[in-house]
Amino acid sequence: MPTPLEDWYFQIPTCTRIYMTATVALTLALQLEWATPFQVFYSYEYAFGRGQYWRVLTTFLYMGKFSLEWILNMYFIIQYCRDLEEGSFLNRPADFAWLMILMCTTLLVVAPYLGFIYLGSLLVSSMTYLWSRLYSSLVLSFLGILTVSASYLPWVMLGFSLLVERKFPTGELLAIGVGHVFWFLSEEWPRHLESGGFRPLRAPKALCKLMHQDLDEDAGGDAGVLPRVDDNVAGEEYGAGRADVAASTDSGVGEGSSAPASATLAGTSTATRHAEASETVQRRVPRNDLEADLD
């Protein structure tokens, strides 16, 4: 008979579960010193010039070692990625996986030019932005003293991290920009007549077959367009029975007002991780020392 923990784990949809599990596995490896942060950061030279292709994946799994910041980042993955996969992408696992692949590719191309070598927090923040646009009607309680619409969550996090870190929030702005581009391509563009019904984020047929997604699942009409939830009322269930993301007119989020507080603190987590990445780059570790660590 499965335990409650097993039930909870296998109720998490496929893509979110894989991402969460891989992140935990890498964190354990770092905690046990089976690997070092120098072996998992992304560098085009090391990834493609030296054949260390694992860096393309590990950079998105690195959230630091076990800490409060790590816990808050994991909360974002479990809460918002799960909401997206069970709600807007219900019965479309291939489309959700393809969205994550395209987001990762975009970050791999853009982020290194801004000095980022660990991209996990950026990916999570981009997914959070997408969630905030699709669930914009929800009302969140910020630290129990400020009530904001879900659509403002990324900006509240940005402002909060700016106050705490006192640094220009380059990472948060990049994540918001990437999230907005993919929100526009997935929701707004297919609704325009100029699009001609073209859906740029539709998963390839091979991926649909691999993930057992019905090729006719999104055929016709607004196929592949993420459903709006602006008209959802408080207390209504979202996706596959995810009532815990429904807004409460009196107390905020379904499972209590503590979730938005965690979301707020996660903004600090993102800023901290970005600052660490920038400092790592700025220190310019001597090449010989870096290569010795990598070897």
Foldseek 3Di string as FASTA:
>chain_A
DDDPVVVVLVVQDDVLSVLLVLLVVVLVCCVVVVAHPLQQWDDCCCCPVVVSVNNLPSLQSDLDHDDLLVVLLNLLSRPQVSLCCQFQVNLPVLLSVLLLVVLSVVCSVPVVVVQFGRCNLLSSLLSQQLSCQQQQQFWAQAVVPDIDTSNCLLVLLLVLLCVVVVDNPPSSVVSNVSSVVSLCLQAPLCVDVVNVNDRPSRGDPVSCVVVVRPPCPQDDDSGRHGDHCNPPDAQDAGGPRNSQQGADPPAGGNVGNVSNNSSSVNSNSSSVSRVVSNVVVVVCDPPVVSVVSND
